[in-house]
């Protein structure tokens, strides 16, 4: 269904996941790795997701292409906090 909607209607799909292999899971659904991102499922990570997705929706609603860096802030937060969790 996802592939059909992408091809027929030009839909964009994003996959945000916590506590899973997000890229692998997204791939099983037909969502490419550039549209999948891991995040920390806490208030800070969830807030950041809403901010980023809000910007993505605004971009797409203006018929602009989705920038390849759309998820950079989420990935940076995930990496930074993942490292600090491993040290404790």
PDB file of N, CA and C in Angstrom:
ATOM      1  N   UNK A   1       0.816  -1.199   0.000  1.00  0.00           N
ATOM      2  CA  UNK A   1       0.000   0.000   0.000  1.00  0.00           C
ATOM      3  C   UNK A   1       0.862   1.266   0.000  1.00  0.00           C
ATOM      4  N   UNK A   2       1.943   1.228   0.778  1.00  0.00           N
ATOM      5  CA  UNK A   2       2.801   2.408   0.839  1.00  0.00           C
ATOM      6  C   UNK A   2       3.391   2.700  -0.535  1.00  0.00           C
ATOM      7  N   UNK A   3       3.903   1.682  -1.197  1.00  0.00           N
ATOM      8  CA  UNK A   3       4.479   1.878  -2.527  1.00  0.00           C
ATOM      9  C   UNK A   3       3.442   2.428  -3.499  1.00  0.00           C
ATOM     10  N   UNK A   4       2.232   1.921  -3.441  1.00  0.00           N
ATOM     11  CA  UNK A   4       1.158   2.404  -4.315  1.00  0.00           C
ATOM     12  C   UNK A   4       0.894   3.884  -4.087  1.00  0.00           C
ATOM     13  N   UNK A   5       0.789   4.302  -2.846  1.00  0.00           N
ATOM     14  CA  UNK A   5       0.499   5.699  -2.526  1.00  0.00           C
ATOM     15  C   UNK A   5       1.656   6.605  -2.960  1.00  0.00           C
ATOM     16  N   UNK A   6       2.881   6.100  -2.811  1.00  0.00           N
ATOM     17  CA  UNK A   6       4.045   6.876  -3.238  1.00  0.00           C
ATOM     18  C   UNK A   6       4.024   7.073  -4.750  1.00  0.00           C
ATOM     19  N   UNK A   7       3.761   6.000  -5.470  1.00  0.00           N
ATOM     20  CA  UNK A   7       3.786   6.064  -6.928  1.00  0.00           C
ATOM     21  C   UNK A   7       2.575   6.781  -7.504  1.00  0.00           C
ATOM     22  N   UNK A   8       1.404   6.464  -7.019  1.00  0.00           N
ATOM     23  CA  UNK A   8       0.177   7.012  -7.597  1.00  0.00           C
ATOM     24  C   UNK A   8      -0.088   8.457  -7.194  1.00  0.00           C
ATOM     25  N   UNK A   9       0.199   8.787  -5.929  1.00  0.00           N
ATOM     26  CA  UNK A   9      -0.161  10.110  -5.421  1.00  0.00           C
ATOM     27  C   UNK A   9       1.030  10.964  -4.996  1.00  0.00           C
ATOM     28  N   UNK A  10       2.241  10.400  -5.071  1.00  0.00           N
ATOM     29  CA  UNK A  10       3.422  11.158  -4.686  1.00  0.00           C
ATOM     30  C   UNK A  10       3.540  11.394  -3.191  1.00  0.00           C
ATOM     31  N   UNK A  11       2.938  10.523  -2.396  1.00  0.00           N
ATOM     32  CA  UNK A  11       2.988  10.672  -0.946  1.00  0.00           C
ATOM     33  C   UNK A  11       4.404  10.473  -0.433  1.00  0.00           C
ATOM     34  N   UNK A  12       4.699  11.143   0.677  1.00  0.00           N
ATOM     35  CA  UNK A  12       5.953  10.948   1.403  1.00  0.00           C
ATOM     36  C   UNK A  12       5.626  10.193   2.688  1.00  0.00           C
ATOM     37  N   UNK A  13       6.471   9.247   3.047  1.00  0.00           N
ATOM     38  CA  UNK A  13       6.310   8.516   4.296  1.00  0.00           C
ATOM     39  C   UNK A  13       7.576   8.676   5.123  1.00  0.00           C
ATOM     40  N   UNK A  14       7.398   8.982   6.391  1.00  0.00           N
ATOM     41  CA  UNK A  14       8.496   9.058   7.336  1.00  0.00           C
ATOM     42  C   UNK A  14       8.253   8.001   8.396  1.00  0.00           C
ATOM     43  N   UNK A  15       9.337   7.432   8.903  1.00  0.00           N
ATOM     44  CA  UNK A  15       9.220   6.417   9.949  1.00  0.00           C
ATOM     45  C   UNK A  15      10.128   6.821  11.100  1.00  0.00           C
ATOM     46  N   UNK A  16       9.537   7.146  12.229  1.00  0.00           N
ATOM     47  CA  UNK A  16      10.276   7.500  13.432  1.00  0.00           C
ATOM     48  C   UNK A  16      10.082   6.383  14.430  1.00  0.00           C
ATOM     49  N   UNK A  17      11.178   5.836  14.924  1.00  0.00           N
ATOM     50  CA  UNK A  17      11.056   4.693  15.815  1.00  0.00           C
ATOM     51  C   UNK A  17      11.974   4.791  17.015  1.00  0.00           C
ATOM     52  N   UNK A  18      11.521   4.219  18.105  1.00  0.00           N
ATOM     53  CA  UNK A  18      12.311   4.155  19.334  1.00  0.00           C
ATOM     54  C   UNK A  18      12.368   2.703  19.794  1.00  0.00           C
ATOM     55  N   UNK A  19      13.524   2.310  20.266  1.00  0.00           N
ATOM     56  CA  UNK A  19      13.725   0.970  20.820  1.00  0.00           C
ATOM     57  C   UNK A  19      13.553  -0.145  19.787  1.00  0.00           C
ATOM     58  N   UNK A  20      13.812   0.165  18.514  1.00  0.00           N
ATOM     59  CA  UNK A  20      13.753  -0.833  17.445  1.00  0.00           C
ATOM     60  C   UNK A  20      14.843  -0.503  16.430  1.00  0.00           C
ATOM     61  N   UNK A  21      15.091  -1.428  15.506  1.00  0.00           N
ATOM     62  CA  UNK A  21      15.956  -1.123  14.374  1.00  0.00           C
ATOM     63  C   UNK A  21      15.075  -0.406  13.356  1.00  0.00           C
ATOM     64  N   UNK A  22      15.104   0.898  13.409  1.00  0.00           N
ATOM     65  CA  UNK A  22      14.178   1.715  12.625  1.00  0.00           C
ATOM     66  C   UNK A  22      14.356   1.538  11.127  1.00  0.00           C
ATOM     67  N   UNK A  23      15.587   1.529  10.665  1.00  0.00           N
ATOM     68  CA  UNK A  23      15.828   1.404   9.223  1.00  0.00           C
ATOM     69  C   UNK A  23      15.340   0.056   8.709  1.00  0.00           C
ATOM     70  N   UNK A  24      15.643  -1.008   9.438  1.00  0.00           N
ATOM     71  CA  UNK A  24      15.201  -2.336   9.013  1.00  0.00           C
ATOM     72  C   UNK A  24      13.672  -2.430   9.020  1.00  0.00           C
ATOM     73  N   UNK A  25      13.057  -1.962  10.073  1.00  0.00           N
ATOM     74  CA  UNK A  25      11.591  -2.021  10.175  1.00  0.00           C
ATOM     75  C   UNK A  25      10.940  -1.191   9.078  1.00  0.00           C
ATOM     76  N   UNK A  26      11.458   0.011   8.847  1.00  0.00           N
ATOM     77  CA  UNK A  26      10.919   0.860   7.784  1.00  0.00           C
ATOM     78  C   UNK A  26      11.056   0.173   6.429  1.00  0.00           C
ATOM     79  N   UNK A  27      12.183  -0.477   6.213  1.00  0.00           N
ATOM     80  CA  UNK A  27      12.399  -1.185   4.952  1.00  0.00           C
ATOM     81  C   UNK A  27      11.368  -2.265   4.700  1.00  0.00           C
ATOM     82  N   UNK A  28      10.965  -2.972   5.760  1.00  0.00           N
ATOM     83  CA  UNK A  28       9.926  -3.999   5.621  1.00  0.00           C
ATOM     84  C   UNK A  28       8.593  -3.388   5.191  1.00  0.00           C
ATOM     85  N   UNK A  29       8.422  -2.112   5.482  1.00  0.00           N
ATOM     86  CA  UNK A  29       7.176  -1.428   5.122  1.00  0.00           C
ATOM     87  C   UNK A  29       7.261  -0.696   3.786  1.00  0.00           C
ATOM     88  N   UNK A  30       8.453  -0.716   3.171  1.00  0.00           N
ATOM     89  CA  UNK A  30       8.625  -0.022   1.898  1.00  0.00           C
ATOM     90  C   UNK A  30       9.064   1.419   2.047  1.00  0.00           C
ATOM     91  N   UNK A  31       9.599   1.764   3.214  1.00  0.00           N
ATOM     92  CA  UNK A  31      10.072   3.125   3.472  1.00  0.00           C
ATOM     93  C   UNK A  31      11.597   3.096   3.427  1.00  0.00           C
ATOM     94  N   UNK A  32      12.189   3.981   2.648  1.00  0.00           N
ATOM     95  CA  UNK A  32      13.628   3.990   2.439  1.00  0.00           C
ATOM     96  C   UNK A  32      14.372   4.525   3.670  1.00  0.00           C
ATOM     97  N   UNK A  33      15.656   4.150   3.814  1.00  0.00           N
ATOM     98  CA  UNK A  33      16.434   4.580   4.983  1.00  0.00           C
ATOM     99  C   UNK A  33      16.518   6.094   5.157  1.00  0.00           C
ATOM    100  N   UNK A  34      16.478   6.842   4.062  1.00  0.00           N
ATOM    101  CA  UNK A  34      16.556   8.305   4.183  1.00  0.00           C
ATOM    102  C   UNK A  34      15.282   8.919   4.753  1.00  0.00           C
ATOM    103  N   UNK A  35      14.265   8.103   4.935  1.00  0.00           N
ATOM    104  CA  UNK A  35      13.001   8.574   5.518  1.00  0.00           C
ATOM    105  C   UNK A  35      12.731   7.924   6.872  1.00  0.00           C
ATOM    106  N   UNK A  36      13.759   7.300   7.454  1.00  0.00           N
ATOM    107  CA  UNK A  36      13.618   6.630   8.748  1.00  0.00           C
ATOM    108  C   UNK A  36      14.636   7.195   9.728  1.00  0.00           C
ATOM    109  N   UNK A  37      14.238   7.291  10.998  1.00  0.00           N
ATOM    110  CA  UNK A  37      15.141   7.840  12.004  1.00  0.00           C
ATOM    111  C   UNK A  37      14.813   7.272  13.382  1.00  0.00           C
ATOM    112  N   UNK A  38      15.871   7.019  14.165  1.00  0.00           N
ATOM    113  CA  UNK A  38      15.726   6.604  15.560  1.00  0.00           C
ATOM    114  C   UNK A  38      15.638   7.834  16.442  1.00  0.00           C
ATOM    115  N   UNK A  39      14.903   7.711  17.526  1.00  0.00           N
ATOM    116  CA  UNK A  39      14.848   8.804  18.488  1.00  0.00           C
ATOM    117  C   UNK A  39      14.706   8.248  19.894  1.00  0.00           C
ATOM    118  N   UNK A  40      14.991   9.092  20.870  1.00  0.00           N
ATOM    119  CA  UNK A  40      14.801   8.709  22.267  1.00  0.00           C
ATOM    120  C   UNK A  40      13.350   8.989  22.649  1.00  0.00           C
ATOM    121  N   UNK A  41      12.696   7.962  23.141  1.00  0.00           N
ATOM    122  CA  UNK A  41      11.275   8.065  23.487  1.00  0.00           C
ATOM    123  C   UNK A  41      11.133   8.633  24.907  1.00  0.00           C
ATOM    124  N   UNK A  42      11.386   9.914  25.013  1.00  0.00           N
ATOM    125  CA  UNK A  42      11.191  10.635  26.264  1.00  0.00           C
ATOM    126  C   UNK A  42      10.664  12.020  25.899  1.00  0.00           C
ATOM    127  N   UNK A  43      10.442  12.853  26.885  1.00  0.00           N
ATOM    128  CA  UNK A  43       9.830  14.151  26.592  1.00  0.00           C
ATOM    129  C   UNK A  43      10.698  14.987  25.657  1.00  0.00           C
ATOM    130  N   UNK A  44      11.998  14.960  25.848  1.00  0.00           N
ATOM    131  CA  UNK A  44      12.895  15.746  24.996  1.00  0.00           C
ATOM    132  C   UNK A  44      12.904  15.224  23.562  1.00  0.00           C
ATOM    133  N   UNK A  45      13.023  13.903  23.390  1.00  0.00           N
ATOM    134  CA  UNK A  45      13.030  13.317  22.055  1.00  0.00           C
ATOM    135  C   UNK A  45      11.706  13.491  21.333  1.00  0.00           C
ATOM    136  N   UNK A  46      10.618  13.331  22.059  1.00  0.00           N
ATOM    137  CA  UNK A  46       9.287  13.489  21.457  1.00  0.00           C
ATOM    138  C   UNK A  46       9.044  14.938  21.049  1.00  0.00           C
ATOM    139  N   UNK A  47       9.443  15.878  21.892  1.00  0.00           N
ATOM    140  CA  UNK A  47       9.299  17.302  21.556  1.00  0.00           C
ATOM    141  C   UNK A  47      10.069  17.616  20.278  1.00  0.00           C
ATOM    142  N   UNK A  48      11.301  17.113  20.186  1.00  0.00           N
ATOM    143  CA  UNK A  48      12.109  17.353  19.000  1.00  0.00           C
ATOM    144  C   UNK A  48      11.453  16.750  17.757  1.00  0.00           C
ATOM    145  N   UNK A  49      10.877  15.563  17.885  1.00  0.00           N
ATOM    146  CA  UNK A  49      10.163  14.950  16.753  1.00  0.00           C
ATOM    147  C   UNK A  49       9.045  15.841  16.251  1.00  0.00           C
ATOM    148  N   UNK A  50       8.240  16.373  17.174  1.00  0.00           N
ATOM    149  CA  UNK A  50       7.142  17.247  16.766  1.00  0.00           C
ATOM    150  C   UNK A  50       7.657  18.495  16.055  1.00  0.00           C
ATOM    151  N   UNK A  51       8.746  19.070  16.546  1.00  0.00           N
ATOM    152  CA  UNK A  51       9.314  20.250  15.893  1.00  0.00           C
ATOM    153  C   UNK A  51       9.768  19.926  14.474  1.00  0.00           C
ATOM    154  N   UNK A  52      10.512  18.835  14.331  1.00  0.00           N
ATOM    155  CA  UNK A  52      11.050  18.458  13.024  1.00  0.00           C
ATOM    156  C   UNK A  52       9.925  18.082  12.065  1.00  0.00           C
ATOM    157  N   UNK A  53       9.015  17.262  12.509  1.00  0.00           N
ATOM    158  CA  UNK A  53       7.913  16.843  11.633  1.00  0.00           C
ATOM    159  C   UNK A  53       7.040  18.045  11.265  1.00  0.00           C
ATOM    160  N   UNK A  54       6.860  18.977  12.175  1.00  0.00           N
ATOM    161  CA  UNK A  54       6.114  20.200  11.860  1.00  0.00           C
ATOM    162  C   UNK A  54       6.760  20.967  10.717  1.00  0.00           C
ATOM    163  N   UNK A  55       8.083  21.073  10.760  1.00  0.00           N
ATOM    164  CA  UNK A  55       8.800  21.756   9.672  1.00  0.00           C
ATOM    165  C   UNK A  55       8.685  20.974   8.371  1.00  0.00           C
ATOM    166  N   UNK A  56       8.759  19.644   8.455  1.00  0.00           N
ATOM    167  CA  UNK A  56       8.633  18.806   7.260  1.00  0.00           C
ATOM    168  C   UNK A  56       7.259  18.991   6.620  1.00  0.00           C
ATOM    169  N   UNK A  57       6.216  18.961   7.426  1.00  0.00           N
ATOM    170  CA  UNK A  57       4.854  19.130   6.909  1.00  0.00           C
ATOM    171  C   UNK A  57       4.702  20.495   6.251  1.00  0.00           C
ATOM    172  N   UNK A  58       5.231  21.530   6.879  1.00  0.00           N
ATOM    173  CA  UNK A  58       5.147  22.873   6.294  1.00  0.00           C
ATOM    174  C   UNK A  58       5.869  22.925   4.954  1.00  0.00           C
ATOM    175  N   UNK A  59       7.014  22.280   4.872  1.00  0.00           N
ATOM    176  CA  UNK A  59       7.776  22.244   3.624  1.00  0.00           C
ATOM    177  C   UNK A  59       6.996  21.551   2.520  1.00  0.00           C
ATOM    178  N   UNK A  60       6.482  20.375   2.823  1.00  0.00           N
ATOM    179  CA  UNK A  60       5.754  19.593   1.824  1.00  0.00           C
ATOM    180  C   UNK A  60       4.461  20.302   1.413  1.00  0.00           C
ATOM    181  N   UNK A  61       3.793  20.944   2.356  1.00  0.00           N
ATOM    182  CA  UNK A  61       2.552  21.665   2.014  1.00  0.00           C
ATOM    183  C   UNK A  61       2.809  22.822   1.075  1.00  0.00           C
ATOM    184  N   UNK A  62       4.033  23.341   1.067  1.00  0.00           N
ATOM    185  CA  UNK A  62       4.403  24.421   0.143  1.00  0.00           C
ATOM    186  C   UNK A  62       4.917  23.872  -1.184  1.00  0.00           C
ATOM    187  N   UNK A  63       4.750  22.574  -1.386  1.00  0.00           N
ATOM    188  CA  UNK A  63       5.187  21.880  -2.606  1.00  0.00           C
ATOM    189  C   UNK A  63       6.695  21.936  -2.812  1.00  0.00           C
ATOM    190  N   UNK A  64       7.428  22.106  -1.732  1.00  0.00           N
ATOM    191  CA  UNK A  64       8.892  22.080  -1.818  1.00  0.00           C
ATOM    192  C   UNK A  64       9.360  20.643  -1.593  1.00  0.00           C
ATOM    193  N   UNK A  65      10.472  20.275  -2.192  1.00  0.00           N
ATOM    194  CA  UNK A  65      10.985  18.918  -1.971  1.00  0.00           C
ATOM    195  C   UNK A  65      11.503  18.777  -0.540  1.00  0.00           C
ATOM    196  N   UNK A  66      11.413  17.590  -0.032  1.00  0.00           N
ATOM    197  CA  UNK A  66      11.893  17.306   1.308  1.00  0.00           C
ATOM    198  C   UNK A  66      13.415  17.234   1.279  1.00  0.00           C
ATOM    199  N   UNK A  67      14.054  18.087   2.043  1.00  0.00           N
ATOM    200  CA  UNK A  67      15.507  18.180   2.095  1.00  0.00           C
ATOM    201  C   UNK A  67      16.097  16.906   2.677  1.00  0.00           C
ATOM    202  N   UNK A  68      17.246  16.487   2.172  1.00  0.00           N
ATOM    203  CA  UNK A  68      17.889  15.269   2.658  1.00  0.00           C
ATOM    204  C   UNK A  68      18.354  15.392   4.109  1.00  0.00           C
ATOM    205  N   UNK A  69      18.401  16.591   4.625  1.00  0.00           N
ATOM    206  CA  UNK A  69      18.845  16.820   5.996  1.00  0.00           C
ATOM    207  C   UNK A  69      17.678  16.985   6.973  1.00  0.00           C
ATOM    208  N   UNK A  70      16.492  16.597   6.580  1.00  0.00           N
ATOM    209  CA  UNK A  70      15.307  16.819   7.404  1.00  0.00           C
ATOM    210  C   UNK A  70      15.441  16.221   8.797  1.00  0.00           C
ATOM    211  N   UNK A  71      16.162  15.121   8.925  1.00  0.00           N
ATOM    212  CA  UNK A  71      16.218  14.399  10.193  1.00  0.00           C
ATOM    213  C   UNK A  71      17.511  14.626  10.977  1.00  0.00           C
ATOM    214  N   UNK A  72      18.359  15.526  10.514  1.00  0.00           N
ATOM    215  CA  UNK A  72      19.669  15.733  11.141  1.00  0.00           C
ATOM    216  C   UNK A  72      19.576  16.052  12.630  1.00  0.00           C
ATOM    217  N   UNK A  73      18.655  16.903  13.030  1.00  0.00           N
ATOM    218  CA  UNK A  73      18.535  17.286  14.441  1.00  0.00           C
ATOM    219  C   UNK A  73      18.153  16.088  15.308  1.00  0.00           C
ATOM    220  N   UNK A  74      17.285  15.237  14.805  1.00  0.00           N
ATOM    221  CA  UNK A  74      16.868  14.052  15.564  1.00  0.00           C
ATOM    222  C   UNK A  74      18.036  13.079  15.673  1.00  0.00           C
ATOM    223  N   UNK A  75      18.746  12.864  14.568  1.00  0.00           N
ATOM    224  CA  UNK A  75      19.892  11.947  14.596  1.00  0.00           C
ATOM    225  C   UNK A  75      20.987  12.452  15.530  1.00  0.00           C
ATOM    226  N   UNK A  76      21.242  13.742  15.499  1.00  0.00           N
ATOM    227  CA  UNK A  76      22.264  14.314  16.375  1.00  0.00           C
ATOM    228  C   UNK A  76      21.885  14.131  17.844  1.00  0.00           C
ATOM    229  N   UNK A  77      20.637  14.400  18.172  1.00  0.00           N
ATOM    230  CA  UNK A  77      20.164  14.215  19.541  1.00  0.00           C
ATOM    231  C   UNK A  77      20.277  12.750  19.951  1.00  0.00           C
ATOM    232  N   UNK A  78      19.905  11.849  19.065  1.00  0.00           N
ATOM    233  CA  UNK A  78      19.964  10.420  19.372  1.00  0.00           C
ATOM    234  C   UNK A  78      21.402   9.981  19.637  1.00  0.00           C
ATOM    235  N   UNK A  79      22.327  10.368  18.750  1.00  0.00           N
ATOM    236  CA  UNK A  79      23.740   9.988  18.919  1.00  0.00           C
ATOM    237  C   UNK A  79      24.320  10.573  20.207  1.00  0.00           C
ATOM    238  N   UNK A  80      24.075  11.838  20.426  1.00  0.00           N
ATOM    239  CA  UNK A  80      24.637  12.517  21.591  1.00  0.00           C
ATOM    240  C   UNK A  80      24.165  11.866  22.884  1.00  0.00           C
ATOM    241  N   UNK A  81      22.886  11.618  22.984  1.00  0.00           N
ATOM    242  CA  UNK A  81      22.346  11.058  24.223  1.00  0.00           C
ATOM    243  C   UNK A  81      22.593   9.556  24.318  1.00  0.00           C
ATOM    244  N   UNK A  82      22.758   8.872  23.199  1.00  0.00           N
ATOM    245  CA  UNK A  82      23.086   7.442  23.220  1.00  0.00           C
ATOM    246  C   UNK A  82      24.479   7.251  23.818  1.00  0.00           C
ATOM    247  N   UNK A  83      25.414   8.105  23.425  1.00  0.00           N
ATOM    248  CA  UNK A  83      26.773   8.034  23.955  1.00  0.00           C
ATOM    249  C   UNK A  83      26.789   8.281  25.453  1.00  0.00           C
ATOM    250  N   UNK A  84      26.043   9.285  25.907  1.00  0.00           N
ATOM    251  CA  UNK A  84      26.045   9.602  27.339  1.00  0.00           C
ATOM    252  C   UNK A  84      25.377   8.501  28.146  1.00  0.00           C
ATOM    253  N   UNK A  85      24.412   7.809  27.592  1.00  0.00           N
ATOM    254  CA  UNK A  85      23.763   6.698  28.297  1.00  0.00           C
ATOM    255  C   UNK A  85      24.695   5.504  28.441  1.00  0.00           C
ATOM    256  N   UNK A  86      25.553   5.278  27.437  1.00  0.00           N
ATOM    257  CA  UNK A  86      26.482   4.157  27.477  1.00  0.00           C
ATOM    258  C   UNK A  86      27.587   4.384  28.514  1.00  0.00           C
ATOM    259  N   UNK A  87      27.921   5.643  28.774  1.00  0.00           N
ATOM    260  CA  UNK A  87      28.974   5.954  29.738  1.00  0.00           C
ATOM    261  C   UNK A  87      28.510   5.796  31.174  1.00  0.00           C
ATOM    262  N   UNK A  88      27.208   5.858  31.404  1.00  0.00           N
ATOM    263  CA  UNK A  88      26.718   5.760  32.791  1.00  0.00           C
ATOM    264  C   UNK A  88      26.428   4.339  33.171  1.00  0.00           C
TER     265      UNK A  88
END
